[in-house]
Structure formats: structure tokens, C-alpha cells
């Protein structure tokens, strides 16, 4: 797997760098419409399960998920002839922030509870082969885990996560937001840079050549249920996101690579994700190369040339988002 080795450093520890952002949420739960609970001595922050949450809670959720190593901002973008709210992510530590922290690679199943786990705590738990390739473990400070779920974790799940992260429960922070929630919409849309990196990794590209990433993605309107939200959030990335990477490589390599990166390179491209999901019946039968940003820019710091492929699809987004435009 072509990923760089990561060195341990407190300045670049996702758990340590995200902790001030967690404390910002804990300092003003009422303003952010979140609720804070203590379970098994761990801190659980409800960003949309029983509490309403909101866009600012989602922005902070996304920044925490990126290990405090990226800037996350809310803004408006143009999609064809209409404008729409979006989330923008910039990072000069793309592999550490996006793959070692943000990537939703931890499937947490315990009794009847299920959540997709992401965030800095993954680098403490090291339950994925990816961390063997990265040769990385974050031993610094607390463990912060972000959960995409419509349920708060029961005590036995909190204890399980603390044991996996090799932390005392009092040093564990869990943030929870359902897919169908304002915070969920924002934090998933904030994954465009990460999605592009993962696609490049699947294509066998050496991620050690990438020095920074910048992405923007429309924030989908909250759907009526999590299954519909799964469709909208995926459509936002597949058909609405734009990413820009700085890297150092040979132009001939980038020229042959760029057309293979955006979502349109997949055989499943061109239909709303909900329709694709219903056709296959399960997530893992879908072409894995579909999961990529809509539009990609590769800017070569060695030559000064920039390569581009893909485009956004406002028509699919308007249908997916239920817009009358």
C-alpha cells in the first residue's frame, strides 16, 4: 500500500490537537445545541441524536474528526446556475488528518449497537491494517472518537472503545451525530479531500508525494431518515465536491492518472447513490472506484503544471436534494 510512514510528534498528534476543539464544545453546549453526558466516566457529546445539534456543531465535529490538523469553514458555492451552502476543508497534513484520523474505517459493533467510527481515536486503537502501513500510533493525550450513529453508545460500548484505545474511560471523548442531522450533513460533506486521497490510494498512487489538500463540498439538506441521508451525503461528494491537491511528481505520471481519479471514472457513475444502492442491495457490491470527488485538480510543485478531470453534476444534486430549481 503506497502510504508514507508517519512520525509521532505532539505537535502533530490528532488527539492532542483536537482536544482544544472538544473543550470548545464542552464550554458552550447550549450555544451549539448539543448535550454532554458522562458514561462509564467517559464524556459523550450528543451532536444530533437526542439534542438538535446544528451547523456549527457539525463544523467543529468535522474539525475534531480531522484531528485539529485542518481548517474547516462553511461558505456558499455556485453549482451551475444556483448557489448552495458548502463546507470547505484545507490541510497541509493530508495523510495524517484525513487517513490517520478522519477516515471512517472503524466499524463498531457491540450487541445491538452499530456506529461507523472515525476521528483521532482510531490512531490510538490501531485496529485497521492501514496503521501498520503508516507505522503510526498516537500515544499522546486522550482518545477522541467520532461516531456516525442514530443512537448514543450504551455503557458497554463506551467501555469497549476505551479498552480498544488503551485509555482510561475518563480520558475518552465520544462525539455522536446521525447521518440524518445537520451536524451529520456537515461532517460527512467535509470528507471530500479524504475521499479523494482514499481513491488515489486504491489506484496505487504514492500518497507520500501529496503535500496538501483543499476541498469544498455542498452540504446536503437533512433527509427524513438515515437511509435517504446516506444517498444525499454520498451524492454531495460524488457529484458536487471539488478537490485540489499540491504534490511533487513527474508530469507524465499525473497526466496518465488524473482522468482515473474523479467519480465519473466508475462504471456506476451517473445515477443518484440511493438508486445505485437499491440496485445492488448492499454497500460493498458497489464499484469502490465510485467513491471519489466529482472534480479533481492535481497541481505539480515540481513543474508548475496543473492537471484537471471531472465536473460537478448540478442536475443529479438537484434531484437528490429534492430541489425545485
C-alpha atoms as a PDB file:
ATOM      1  CA  UNK A   1       0.000   0.000   0.000  1.00  0.00           C
ATOM      2  CA  UNK A   2       1.668   3.300  -1.097  1.00  0.00           C
ATOM      3  CA  UNK A   3       1.348   5.373   2.059  1.00  0.00           C
ATOM      4  CA  UNK A   4       4.086   7.288   3.882  1.00  0.00           C
ATOM      5  CA  UNK A   5       5.334   6.385   7.344  1.00  0.00           C
ATOM      6  CA  UNK A   6       4.150   8.902   9.940  1.00  0.00           C
ATOM      7  CA  UNK A   7       6.355  10.070  12.796  1.00  0.00           C
ATOM      8  CA  UNK A   8       4.946  10.535  16.292  1.00  0.00           C
ATOM      9  CA  UNK A   9       5.019  14.170  17.376  1.00  0.00           C
ATOM     10  CA  UNK A  10       2.920  16.051  19.965  1.00  0.00           C
ATOM     11  CA  UNK A  11       2.598  18.976  17.543  1.00  0.00           C
ATOM     12  CA  UNK A  12       1.001  16.651  15.010  1.00  0.00           C
ATOM     13  CA  UNK A  13      -0.882  14.344  17.375  1.00  0.00           C
ATOM     14  CA  UNK A  14      -4.517  14.242  16.134  1.00  0.00           C
ATOM     15  CA  UNK A  15      -5.817  13.542  19.642  1.00  0.00           C
ATOM     16  CA  UNK A  16      -3.845  16.354  21.269  1.00  0.00           C
ATOM     17  CA  UNK A  17      -4.564  18.865  18.504  1.00  0.00           C
ATOM     18  CA  UNK A  18      -8.304  18.091  18.500  1.00  0.00           C
ATOM     19  CA  UNK A  19      -8.647  18.365  22.276  1.00  0.00           C
ATOM     20  CA  UNK A  20      -8.984  22.199  22.366  1.00  0.00           C
ATOM     21  CA  UNK A  21     -11.851  21.894  19.872  1.00  0.00           C
ATOM     22  CA  UNK A  22     -13.563  19.327  22.109  1.00  0.00           C
ATOM     23  CA  UNK A  23     -13.144  21.707  25.033  1.00  0.00           C
ATOM     24  CA  UNK A  24     -14.696  24.487  22.941  1.00  0.00           C
ATOM     25  CA  UNK A  25     -17.827  22.357  22.551  1.00  0.00           C
ATOM     26  CA  UNK A  26     -17.850  21.452  26.253  1.00  0.00           C
ATOM     27  CA  UNK A  27     -17.589  25.155  27.144  1.00  0.00           C
ATOM     28  CA  UNK A  28     -20.746  26.159  25.270  1.00  0.00           C
ATOM     29  CA  UNK A  29     -23.137  23.225  24.772  1.00  0.00           C
ATOM     30  CA  UNK A  30     -26.212  25.457  24.907  1.00  0.00           C
ATOM     31  CA  UNK A  31     -24.971  27.693  22.092  1.00  0.00           C
ATOM     32  CA  UNK A  32     -24.174  24.668  19.931  1.00  0.00           C
ATOM     33  CA  UNK A  33     -27.417  22.797  20.711  1.00  0.00           C
ATOM     34  CA  UNK A  34     -25.519  19.729  21.952  1.00  0.00           C
ATOM     35  CA  UNK A  35     -25.853  17.703  25.145  1.00  0.00           C
ATOM     36  CA  UNK A  36     -22.978  16.367  27.229  1.00  0.00           C
ATOM     37  CA  UNK A  37     -23.220  13.092  29.127  1.00  0.00           C
ATOM     38  CA  UNK A  38     -20.853  11.121  31.344  1.00  0.00           C
ATOM     39  CA  UNK A  39     -20.980   7.368  30.748  1.00  0.00           C
ATOM     40  CA  UNK A  40     -18.589   4.983  32.448  1.00  0.00           C
ATOM     41  CA  UNK A  41     -16.537   8.106  33.311  1.00  0.00           C
ATOM     42  CA  UNK A  42     -16.129   8.907  29.584  1.00  0.00           C
ATOM     43  CA  UNK A  43     -17.514  12.106  28.028  1.00  0.00           C
ATOM     44  CA  UNK A  44     -20.187  11.592  25.371  1.00  0.00           C
ATOM     45  CA  UNK A  45     -21.247  14.601  23.296  1.00  0.00           C
ATOM     46  CA  UNK A  46     -24.619  14.268  21.581  1.00  0.00           C
ATOM     47  CA  UNK A  47     -24.465  16.385  18.406  1.00  0.00           C
ATOM     48  CA  UNK A  48     -27.789  15.305  16.909  1.00  0.00           C
ATOM     49  CA  UNK A  49     -29.236  12.106  18.388  1.00  0.00           C
ATOM     50  CA  UNK A  50     -31.463  13.494  21.163  1.00  0.00           C
ATOM     51  CA  UNK A  51     -30.048  17.017  21.027  1.00  0.00           C
ATOM     52  CA  UNK A  52     -30.800  19.085  17.898  1.00  0.00           C
ATOM     53  CA  UNK A  53     -27.172  19.919  17.085  1.00  0.00           C
ATOM     54  CA  UNK A  54     -26.584  22.344  14.225  1.00  0.00           C
ATOM     55  CA  UNK A  55     -24.214  23.525  11.504  1.00  0.00           C
ATOM     56  CA  UNK A  56     -21.619  24.979  13.891  1.00  0.00           C
ATOM     57  CA  UNK A  57     -21.637  21.754  15.890  1.00  0.00           C
ATOM     58  CA  UNK A  58     -21.112  19.954  12.586  1.00  0.00           C
ATOM     59  CA  UNK A  59     -18.212  22.219  11.644  1.00  0.00           C
ATOM     60  CA  UNK A  60     -16.498  21.552  14.972  1.00  0.00           C
ATOM     61  CA  UNK A  61     -17.303  17.835  14.703  1.00  0.00           C
ATOM     62  CA  UNK A  62     -15.559  17.803  11.302  1.00  0.00           C
ATOM     63  CA  UNK A  63     -12.535  19.759  12.585  1.00  0.00           C
ATOM     64  CA  UNK A  64     -12.195  17.338  15.513  1.00  0.00           C
ATOM     65  CA  UNK A  65     -12.558  14.382  13.176  1.00  0.00           C
ATOM     66  CA  UNK A  66      -9.629  15.796  11.169  1.00  0.00           C
ATOM     67  CA  UNK A  67      -7.518  15.793  14.330  1.00  0.00           C
ATOM     68  CA  UNK A  68      -7.271  19.565  14.530  1.00  0.00           C
ATOM     69  CA  UNK A  69      -4.909  19.444  11.544  1.00  0.00           C
ATOM     70  CA  UNK A  70      -7.206  21.111   9.004  1.00  0.00           C
ATOM     71  CA  UNK A  71      -9.187  24.308   8.676  1.00  0.00           C
ATOM     72  CA  UNK A  72     -12.937  23.756   8.275  1.00  0.00           C
ATOM     73  CA  UNK A  73     -15.179  26.609   7.112  1.00  0.00           C
ATOM     74  CA  UNK A  74     -18.796  26.999   5.999  1.00  0.00           C
ATOM     75  CA  UNK A  75     -19.443  29.042   2.844  1.00  0.00           C
ATOM     76  CA  UNK A  76     -21.630  29.272  -0.289  1.00  0.00           C
ATOM     77  CA  UNK A  77     -20.650  27.877  -3.708  1.00  0.00           C
ATOM     78  CA  UNK A  78     -22.025  28.031  -7.238  1.00  0.00           C
ATOM     79  CA  UNK A  79     -23.497  24.819  -8.663  1.00  0.00           C
ATOM     80  CA  UNK A  80     -24.457  25.519 -12.253  1.00  0.00           C
ATOM     81  CA  UNK A  81     -26.843  28.471 -12.127  1.00  0.00           C
ATOM     82  CA  UNK A  82     -27.749  28.147  -8.457  1.00  0.00           C
ATOM     83  CA  UNK A  83     -25.942  28.704  -5.163  1.00  0.00           C
ATOM     84  CA  UNK A  84     -25.780  26.348  -2.198  1.00  0.00           C
ATOM     85  CA  UNK A  85     -24.218  26.109   1.304  1.00  0.00           C
ATOM     86  CA  UNK A  86     -20.970  24.138   1.409  1.00  0.00           C
ATOM     87  CA  UNK A  87     -18.148  23.107   3.697  1.00  0.00           C
ATOM     88  CA  UNK A  88     -14.517  23.810   2.811  1.00  0.00           C
ATOM     89  CA  UNK A  89     -11.523  21.894   4.180  1.00  0.00           C
ATOM     90  CA  UNK A  90      -7.850  22.795   3.804  1.00  0.00           C
ATOM     91  CA  UNK A  91      -4.919  20.870   5.252  1.00  0.00           C
ATOM     92  CA  UNK A  92      -1.137  20.762   4.927  1.00  0.00           C
ATOM     93  CA  UNK A  93      -1.115  17.345   6.595  1.00  0.00           C
ATOM     94  CA  UNK A  94      -3.491  15.412   4.319  1.00  0.00           C
ATOM     95  CA  UNK A  95      -2.450  11.848   5.142  1.00  0.00           C
ATOM     96  CA  UNK A  96      -2.303  12.382   8.892  1.00  0.00           C
ATOM     97  CA  UNK A  97      -5.503  14.473   9.090  1.00  0.00           C
ATOM     98  CA  UNK A  98      -7.603  12.555   6.584  1.00  0.00           C
ATOM     99  CA  UNK A  99      -6.446   8.933   6.629  1.00  0.00           C
ATOM    100  CA  UNK A 100      -4.928   8.544  10.106  1.00  0.00           C
ATOM    101  CA  UNK A 101      -7.807  10.472  11.673  1.00  0.00           C
ATOM    102  CA  UNK A 102     -10.902  11.351   9.616  1.00  0.00           C
ATOM    103  CA  UNK A 103     -11.371   8.188   7.557  1.00  0.00           C
ATOM    104  CA  UNK A 104     -14.394   6.175   8.771  1.00  0.00           C
ATOM    105  CA  UNK A 105     -12.511   2.892   8.958  1.00  0.00           C
ATOM    106  CA  UNK A 106     -13.654   1.609  12.361  1.00  0.00           C
ATOM    107  CA  UNK A 107     -16.883  -0.395  12.239  1.00  0.00           C
ATOM    108  CA  UNK A 108     -18.061  -0.565  15.855  1.00  0.00           C
ATOM    109  CA  UNK A 109     -20.494  -3.410  16.538  1.00  0.00           C
ATOM    110  CA  UNK A 110     -21.419  -4.452  20.039  1.00  0.00           C
ATOM    111  CA  UNK A 111     -24.616  -6.296  20.920  1.00  0.00           C
ATOM    112  CA  UNK A 112     -27.340  -4.313  19.114  1.00  0.00           C
ATOM    113  CA  UNK A 113     -25.291  -1.149  18.740  1.00  0.00           C
ATOM    114  CA  UNK A 114     -23.630  -0.083  15.494  1.00  0.00           C
ATOM    115  CA  UNK A 115     -21.670   3.015  14.530  1.00  0.00           C
ATOM    116  CA  UNK A 116     -19.065   3.967  11.968  1.00  0.00           C
ATOM    117  CA  UNK A 117     -16.094   5.195  13.928  1.00  0.00           C
ATOM    118  CA  UNK A 118     -13.722   7.877  12.710  1.00  0.00           C
ATOM    119  CA  UNK A 119     -11.529  10.559  14.178  1.00  0.00           C
ATOM    120  CA  UNK A 120      -8.274  10.730  16.145  1.00  0.00           C
ATOM    121  CA  UNK A 121      -9.062   7.788  18.435  1.00  0.00           C
ATOM    122  CA  UNK A 122      -8.514   5.388  15.522  1.00  0.00           C
ATOM    123  CA  UNK A 123      -4.806   6.162  15.723  1.00  0.00           C
ATOM    124  CA  UNK A 124      -4.875   5.111  19.375  1.00  0.00           C
ATOM    125  CA  UNK A 125      -6.868   1.920  18.769  1.00  0.00           C
ATOM    126  CA  UNK A 126      -4.875   0.915  15.644  1.00  0.00           C
ATOM    127  CA  UNK A 127      -7.426  -1.749  14.746  1.00  0.00           C
ATOM    128  CA  UNK A 128      -7.004  -1.290  10.981  1.00  0.00           C
ATOM    129  CA  UNK A 129      -4.269  -2.601   8.683  1.00  0.00           C
ATOM    130  CA  UNK A 130      -3.804   0.977   7.469  1.00  0.00           C
ATOM    131  CA  UNK A 131      -1.949   1.827  10.670  1.00  0.00           C
ATOM    132  CA  UNK A 132       0.548  -0.953  10.093  1.00  0.00           C
ATOM    133  CA  UNK A 133       1.316   0.631   6.722  1.00  0.00           C
ATOM    134  CA  UNK A 134       1.522   4.088   8.268  1.00  0.00           C
ATOM    135  CA  UNK A 135       3.643   2.621  11.101  1.00  0.00           C
ATOM    136  CA  UNK A 136       1.825   5.042  13.357  1.00  0.00           C
ATOM    137  CA  UNK A 137       0.259   5.066  16.803  1.00  0.00           C
ATOM    138  CA  UNK A 138      -0.916   8.185  18.598  1.00  0.00           C
ATOM    139  CA  UNK A 139       0.031   7.605  22.243  1.00  0.00           C
ATOM    140  CA  UNK A 140      -0.461  11.243  23.234  1.00  0.00           C
ATOM    141  CA  UNK A 141      -3.202  12.543  25.498  1.00  0.00           C
ATOM    142  CA  UNK A 142      -6.818  11.410  25.362  1.00  0.00           C
ATOM    143  CA  UNK A 143      -8.671   9.346  22.758  1.00  0.00           C
ATOM    144  CA  UNK A 144     -11.328  11.162  20.742  1.00  0.00           C
ATOM    145  CA  UNK A 145     -13.683   9.073  18.612  1.00  0.00           C
ATOM    146  CA  UNK A 146     -16.383  10.384  16.268  1.00  0.00           C
ATOM    147  CA  UNK A 147     -19.420   8.127  15.824  1.00  0.00           C
ATOM    148  CA  UNK A 148     -21.911   8.239  12.950  1.00  0.00           C
ATOM    149  CA  UNK A 149     -24.969   6.682  14.569  1.00  0.00           C
ATOM    150  CA  UNK A 150     -28.589   7.453  15.428  1.00  0.00           C
ATOM    151  CA  UNK A 151     -28.063   6.108  18.943  1.00  0.00           C
ATOM    152  CA  UNK A 152     -25.893   7.152  21.844  1.00  0.00           C
ATOM    153  CA  UNK A 153     -23.446   4.394  22.804  1.00  0.00           C
ATOM    154  CA  UNK A 154     -24.540   2.274  25.792  1.00  0.00           C
ATOM    155  CA  UNK A 155     -22.101   1.851  28.702  1.00  0.00           C
ATOM    156  CA  UNK A 156     -20.695  -1.451  27.418  1.00  0.00           C
ATOM    157  CA  UNK A 157     -19.792   0.173  24.086  1.00  0.00           C
ATOM    158  CA  UNK A 158     -18.134   3.098  25.837  1.00  0.00           C
ATOM    159  CA  UNK A 159     -16.051   0.648  27.861  1.00  0.00           C
ATOM    160  CA  UNK A 160     -15.190  -1.339  24.723  1.00  0.00           C
ATOM    161  CA  UNK A 161     -13.975   1.776  22.886  1.00  0.00           C
ATOM    162  CA  UNK A 162     -11.857   2.844  25.880  1.00  0.00           C
ATOM    163  CA  UNK A 163     -10.214  -0.586  26.032  1.00  0.00           C
ATOM    164  CA  UNK A 164      -9.546  -0.602  22.279  1.00  0.00           C
ATOM    165  CA  UNK A 165      -7.948   2.846  22.567  1.00  0.00           C
ATOM    166  CA  UNK A 166      -5.896   1.747  25.582  1.00  0.00           C
ATOM    167  CA  UNK A 167      -7.115   4.710  27.615  1.00  0.00           C
ATOM    168  CA  UNK A 168      -8.823   5.167  30.945  1.00  0.00           C
ATOM    169  CA  UNK A 169     -12.508   5.945  30.278  1.00  0.00           C
ATOM    170  CA  UNK A 170     -12.059   9.363  31.894  1.00  0.00           C
ATOM    171  CA  UNK A 171      -9.642  10.189  29.034  1.00  0.00           C
ATOM    172  CA  UNK A 172     -12.099   9.195  26.297  1.00  0.00           C
ATOM    173  CA  UNK A 173     -14.346  11.638  24.404  1.00  0.00           C
ATOM    174  CA  UNK A 174     -17.057  10.375  22.053  1.00  0.00           C
ATOM    175  CA  UNK A 175     -18.942  12.655  19.658  1.00  0.00           C
ATOM    176  CA  UNK A 176     -22.115  11.250  18.112  1.00  0.00           C
ATOM    177  CA  UNK A 177     -24.205  12.506  15.165  1.00  0.00           C
ATOM    178  CA  UNK A 178     -26.703  10.631  12.949  1.00  0.00           C
ATOM    179  CA  UNK A 179     -26.367  10.738   9.175  1.00  0.00           C
ATOM    180  CA  UNK A 180     -29.775  12.468   9.035  1.00  0.00           C
ATOM    181  CA  UNK A 181     -28.918  15.508  11.141  1.00  0.00           C
ATOM    182  CA  UNK A 182     -27.493  18.990  10.493  1.00  0.00           C
ATOM    183  CA  UNK A 183     -24.163  18.056  12.125  1.00  0.00           C
ATOM    184  CA  UNK A 184     -24.119  14.767  10.222  1.00  0.00           C
ATOM    185  CA  UNK A 185     -24.654  16.514   6.880  1.00  0.00           C
ATOM    186  CA  UNK A 186     -21.752  18.893   7.538  1.00  0.00           C
ATOM    187  CA  UNK A 187     -19.258  16.378   8.874  1.00  0.00           C
ATOM    188  CA  UNK A 188     -19.845  13.922   6.002  1.00  0.00           C
ATOM    189  CA  UNK A 189     -19.626  16.655   3.367  1.00  0.00           C
ATOM    190  CA  UNK A 190     -16.283  17.605   4.943  1.00  0.00           C
ATOM    191  CA  UNK A 191     -14.809  14.300   3.716  1.00  0.00           C
ATOM    192  CA  UNK A 192     -14.137  15.254   0.076  1.00  0.00           C
ATOM    193  CA  UNK A 193     -10.348  15.607   0.489  1.00  0.00           C
ATOM    194  CA  UNK A 194     -10.233  12.322   2.408  1.00  0.00           C
ATOM    195  CA  UNK A 195     -12.376  10.563  -0.205  1.00  0.00           C
ATOM    196  CA  UNK A 196     -10.023  11.666  -2.973  1.00  0.00           C
ATOM    197  CA  UNK A 197      -6.966  10.503  -1.015  1.00  0.00           C
ATOM    198  CA  UNK A 198      -8.540   7.107  -0.453  1.00  0.00           C
ATOM    199  CA  UNK A 199      -9.313   6.816  -4.174  1.00  0.00           C
ATOM    200  CA  UNK A 200      -5.708   7.692  -5.017  1.00  0.00           C
ATOM    201  CA  UNK A 201      -4.538   5.056  -2.563  1.00  0.00           C
ATOM    202  CA  UNK A 202      -6.835   2.472  -4.185  1.00  0.00           C
ATOM    203  CA  UNK A 203      -5.323   3.411  -7.554  1.00  0.00           C
ATOM    204  CA  UNK A 204      -1.879   2.624  -6.138  1.00  0.00           C
ATOM    205  CA  UNK A 205      -0.650   6.196  -6.086  1.00  0.00           C
ATOM    206  CA  UNK A 206       2.104   7.097  -3.605  1.00  0.00           C
ATOM    207  CA  UNK A 207       0.362   9.384  -1.105  1.00  0.00           C
ATOM    208  CA  UNK A 208       3.734  10.480   0.246  1.00  0.00           C
ATOM    209  CA  UNK A 209       4.011  12.728  -2.831  1.00  0.00           C
ATOM    210  CA  UNK A 210       0.957  14.778  -1.795  1.00  0.00           C
ATOM    211  CA  UNK A 211       1.804  17.780   0.374  1.00  0.00           C
ATOM    212  CA  UNK A 212      -1.579  19.446   0.881  1.00  0.00           C
ATOM    213  CA  UNK A 213      -5.273  19.197   0.063  1.00  0.00           C
ATOM    214  CA  UNK A 214      -8.122  21.663  -0.392  1.00  0.00           C
ATOM    215  CA  UNK A 215     -11.698  20.621  -0.961  1.00  0.00           C
ATOM    216  CA  UNK A 216     -15.215  22.011  -1.000  1.00  0.00           C
ATOM    217  CA  UNK A 217     -18.469  20.072  -0.988  1.00  0.00           C
ATOM    218  CA  UNK A 218     -22.155  21.064  -0.849  1.00  0.00           C
ATOM    219  CA  UNK A 219     -23.865  20.327   2.461  1.00  0.00           C
ATOM    220  CA  UNK A 220     -26.958  18.243   1.659  1.00  0.00           C
ATOM    221  CA  UNK A 221     -30.287  19.120   3.247  1.00  0.00           C
ATOM    222  CA  UNK A 222     -31.201  16.840   6.152  1.00  0.00           C
ATOM    223  CA  UNK A 223     -33.162  13.845   4.883  1.00  0.00           C
ATOM    224  CA  UNK A 224     -36.187  12.288   6.549  1.00  0.00           C
ATOM    225  CA  UNK A 225     -34.285   9.176   7.613  1.00  0.00           C
ATOM    226  CA  UNK A 226     -30.741   7.797   7.688  1.00  0.00           C
ATOM    227  CA  UNK A 227     -31.117   5.700   4.503  1.00  0.00           C
ATOM    228  CA  UNK A 228     -32.218   8.719   2.482  1.00  0.00           C
ATOM    229  CA  UNK A 229     -29.453  10.732   4.146  1.00  0.00           C
ATOM    230  CA  UNK A 230     -26.933   8.085   3.068  1.00  0.00           C
ATOM    231  CA  UNK A 231     -27.969   8.773  -0.526  1.00  0.00           C
ATOM    232  CA  UNK A 232     -27.822  12.548  -0.246  1.00  0.00           C
ATOM    233  CA  UNK A 233     -24.486  12.695   1.570  1.00  0.00           C
ATOM    234  CA  UNK A 234     -22.851  10.374  -0.951  1.00  0.00           C
ATOM    235  CA  UNK A 235     -24.318  12.362  -3.857  1.00  0.00           C
ATOM    236  CA  UNK A 236     -22.891  15.552  -2.368  1.00  0.00           C
ATOM    237  CA  UNK A 237     -19.374  14.094  -2.567  1.00  0.00           C
ATOM    238  CA  UNK A 238     -19.712  12.077  -5.792  1.00  0.00           C
ATOM    239  CA  UNK A 239     -21.463  14.758  -7.839  1.00  0.00           C
ATOM    240  CA  UNK A 240     -20.811  18.051  -6.020  1.00  0.00           C
ATOM    241  CA  UNK A 241     -17.336  18.080  -4.473  1.00  0.00           C
ATOM    242  CA  UNK A 242     -14.176  19.672  -5.855  1.00  0.00           C
ATOM    243  CA  UNK A 243     -10.694  18.895  -4.515  1.00  0.00           C
ATOM    244  CA  UNK A 244      -7.267  20.352  -5.226  1.00  0.00           C
ATOM    245  CA  UNK A 245      -4.008  18.658  -4.248  1.00  0.00           C
ATOM    246  CA  UNK A 246      -0.472  20.026  -4.229  1.00  0.00           C
ATOM    247  CA  UNK A 247       2.053  17.270  -4.935  1.00  0.00           C
ATOM    248  CA  UNK A 248       5.524  16.574  -6.286  1.00  0.00           C
ATOM    249  CA  UNK A 249       5.716  14.106  -9.156  1.00  0.00           C
ATOM    250  CA  UNK A 250       6.530  13.790 -12.833  1.00  0.00           C
ATOM    251  CA  UNK A 251       4.037  15.377 -15.246  1.00  0.00           C
ATOM    252  CA  UNK A 252       3.798  12.203 -17.292  1.00  0.00           C
ATOM    253  CA  UNK A 253       2.570  10.335 -14.206  1.00  0.00           C
ATOM    254  CA  UNK A 254      -0.082  12.931 -13.381  1.00  0.00           C
ATOM    255  CA  UNK A 255      -1.290  13.144 -16.980  1.00  0.00           C
ATOM    256  CA  UNK A 256      -1.983   9.414 -17.013  1.00  0.00           C
ATOM    257  CA  UNK A 257      -3.517   9.466 -13.515  1.00  0.00           C
ATOM    258  CA  UNK A 258      -5.886  12.419 -13.379  1.00  0.00           C
ATOM    259  CA  UNK A 259      -8.732  11.005 -15.510  1.00  0.00           C
ATOM    260  CA  UNK A 260      -8.898   7.928 -13.275  1.00  0.00           C
ATOM    261  CA  UNK A 261      -9.482   9.876 -10.055  1.00  0.00           C
ATOM    262  CA  UNK A 262     -12.935  11.555 -10.182  1.00  0.00           C
ATOM    263  CA  UNK A 263     -16.163   9.614  -9.648  1.00  0.00           C
ATOM    264  CA  UNK A 264     -17.023   9.695 -13.347  1.00  0.00           C
ATOM    265  CA  UNK A 265     -14.296   7.064 -13.921  1.00  0.00           C
ATOM    266  CA  UNK A 266     -16.547   4.473 -12.252  1.00  0.00           C
ATOM    267  CA  UNK A 267     -18.923   2.137 -14.082  1.00  0.00           C
ATOM    268  CA  UNK A 268     -21.622   3.100 -11.553  1.00  0.00           C
ATOM    269  CA  UNK A 269     -21.331   6.845 -12.194  1.00  0.00           C
ATOM    270  CA  UNK A 270     -24.311   8.880 -13.364  1.00  0.00           C
ATOM    271  CA  UNK A 271     -27.219   7.872 -11.134  1.00  0.00           C
ATOM    272  CA  UNK A 272     -28.203   9.050  -7.611  1.00  0.00           C
ATOM    273  CA  UNK A 273     -26.481   6.971  -4.949  1.00  0.00           C
ATOM    274  CA  UNK A 274     -29.769   5.837  -3.419  1.00  0.00           C
ATOM    275  CA  UNK A 275     -30.749   4.286  -6.758  1.00  0.00           C
ATOM    276  CA  UNK A 276     -27.348   2.569  -7.072  1.00  0.00           C
ATOM    277  CA  UNK A 277     -27.622   1.261  -3.507  1.00  0.00           C
ATOM    278  CA  UNK A 278     -31.071  -0.215  -4.167  1.00  0.00           C
ATOM    279  CA  UNK A 279     -29.829  -1.843  -7.387  1.00  0.00           C
ATOM    280  CA  UNK A 280     -27.009  -3.722  -5.628  1.00  0.00           C
ATOM    281  CA  UNK A 281     -28.754  -4.269  -2.306  1.00  0.00           C
ATOM    282  CA  UNK A 282     -25.615  -3.765  -0.258  1.00  0.00           C
ATOM    283  CA  UNK A 283     -22.885  -1.193   0.090  1.00  0.00           C
ATOM    284  CA  UNK A 284     -19.944  -3.471  -0.619  1.00  0.00           C
ATOM    285  CA  UNK A 285     -21.131  -4.611  -4.095  1.00  0.00           C
ATOM    286  CA  UNK A 286     -20.928  -1.069  -5.448  1.00  0.00           C
ATOM    287  CA  UNK A 287     -17.851  -0.288  -7.549  1.00  0.00           C
ATOM    288  CA  UNK A 288     -15.321   1.011  -4.967  1.00  0.00           C
ATOM    289  CA  UNK A 289     -13.910   3.377  -7.587  1.00  0.00           C
ATOM    290  CA  UNK A 290     -17.200   5.313  -7.492  1.00  0.00           C
ATOM    291  CA  UNK A 291     -16.268   6.817  -4.123  1.00  0.00           C
ATOM    292  CA  UNK A 292     -14.349   9.884  -5.202  1.00  0.00           C
ATOM    293  CA  UNK A 293     -14.841  13.635  -5.622  1.00  0.00           C
ATOM    294  CA  UNK A 294     -16.678  14.933  -8.683  1.00  0.00           C
ATOM    295  CA  UNK A 295     -13.864  17.204  -9.823  1.00  0.00           C
ATOM    296  CA  UNK A 296     -10.125  16.897  -9.182  1.00  0.00           C
ATOM    297  CA  UNK A 297      -7.141  19.209  -9.665  1.00  0.00           C
ATOM    298  CA  UNK A 298      -3.555  17.949  -9.328  1.00  0.00           C
ATOM    299  CA  UNK A 299      -1.013  20.764  -9.094  1.00  0.00           C
ATOM    300  CA  UNK A 300       2.602  19.704  -9.580  1.00  0.00           C
ATOM    301  CA  UNK A 301       5.027  21.679  -7.402  1.00  0.00           C
ATOM    302  CA  UNK A 302       7.964  20.322  -9.430  1.00  0.00           C
ATOM    303  CA  UNK A 303       6.878  21.575 -12.844  1.00  0.00           C
ATOM    304  CA  UNK A 304       4.264  24.225 -12.115  1.00  0.00           C
ATOM    305  CA  UNK A 305       1.684  22.428 -14.274  1.00  0.00           C
ATOM    306  CA  UNK A 306      -1.833  21.564 -13.090  1.00  0.00           C
ATOM    307  CA  UNK A 307      -3.959  18.652 -14.296  1.00  0.00           C
ATOM    308  CA  UNK A 308      -7.747  18.523 -14.147  1.00  0.00           C
ATOM    309  CA  UNK A 309     -10.538  15.993 -14.615  1.00  0.00           C
ATOM    310  CA  UNK A 310     -14.222  15.587 -13.779  1.00  0.00           C
ATOM    311  CA  UNK A 311     -17.051  18.043 -13.223  1.00  0.00           C
ATOM    312  CA  UNK A 312     -19.920  18.648 -10.833  1.00  0.00           C
ATOM    313  CA  UNK A 313     -23.427  17.462 -11.742  1.00  0.00           C
ATOM    314  CA  UNK A 314     -25.988  20.032 -10.547  1.00  0.00           C
ATOM    315  CA  UNK A 315     -28.775  18.059 -12.244  1.00  0.00           C
ATOM    316  CA  UNK A 316     -28.188  14.972 -10.072  1.00  0.00           C
ATOM    317  CA  UNK A 317     -27.707  17.084  -6.945  1.00  0.00           C
ATOM    318  CA  UNK A 318     -30.985  18.952  -7.545  1.00  0.00           C
ATOM    319  CA  UNK A 319     -32.841  15.647  -7.846  1.00  0.00           C
ATOM    320  CA  UNK A 320     -31.097  14.089  -4.842  1.00  0.00           C
ATOM    321  CA  UNK A 321     -31.580  17.160  -2.648  1.00  0.00           C
ATOM    322  CA  UNK A 322     -35.265  17.473  -3.594  1.00  0.00           C
ATOM    323  CA  UNK A 323     -34.852  20.976  -5.032  1.00  0.00           C
ATOM    324  CA  UNK A 324     -37.333  22.835  -7.195  1.00  0.00           C
ATOM    325  CA  UNK A 325     -34.775  24.659  -9.389  1.00  0.00           C
END
